[in-house]
Amino acid sequence: MTATVQLEQQEDFHFAIGFGDGIPLLHSDEHPPLGKGAGPTPDQLLAAAVGNCMSASLLFALRKFKQAPEPIRTEVEATTGRNEANRLRIQRIAVRITLGVPAAGLQHLDRALQQFEAFCTVGESVRQGIPDWSLLDRLITEWQPAALIVGLPLNMDDSENEMTRAA
């Protein structure tokens, strides 16, 4: 299956995005001073795509168990920063999904939560290129280490070991 979209520049950084099949055009733009803010930015579109996919995957997983979590509300935060080449990149995407009913009233919620992300095509594809720092955040919060040491695990004589090969 292939998804095709067409983009046509309207003015400066403002693009009309066509999806075909009678779907209305979507307009994107950059924030000033580059653009005029006539539509969502590419960062916002990526965040929306991840959030929509995650929400739909959770809804699908819950409906498999004949559960009705509606209405689902999702907030996505995409953090942009500079990489080692001083270029802007999305460094983190955090998705917060809120169900429309109390979690205690949903059967099999634990199973749905364990597996729904794996079925999100967009989220899993993006994850391959953007590290999932939320796991590290959870572990740091849980374990509360005094310090983190980051680097290549070598022996005292700089020779490699099993941990070096696993890294």
Foldseek 3Di string as FASTA:
>chain_A
DDFDKDWDDDDQFWIWIGRDPPDHTAIEGDPPPRTPCPHHHPQVVLLVLLQVLLVVLLCVLQVVVPDDQPPKDKDKDFDWAADPVGDIDGAEIDMDIDTPDDPVPGPPSVVSVVPSQVRRPSNVVVCVVHPHCVVVVVVCVVVVDPDDDDDQDADPVRHHDPSNVVD
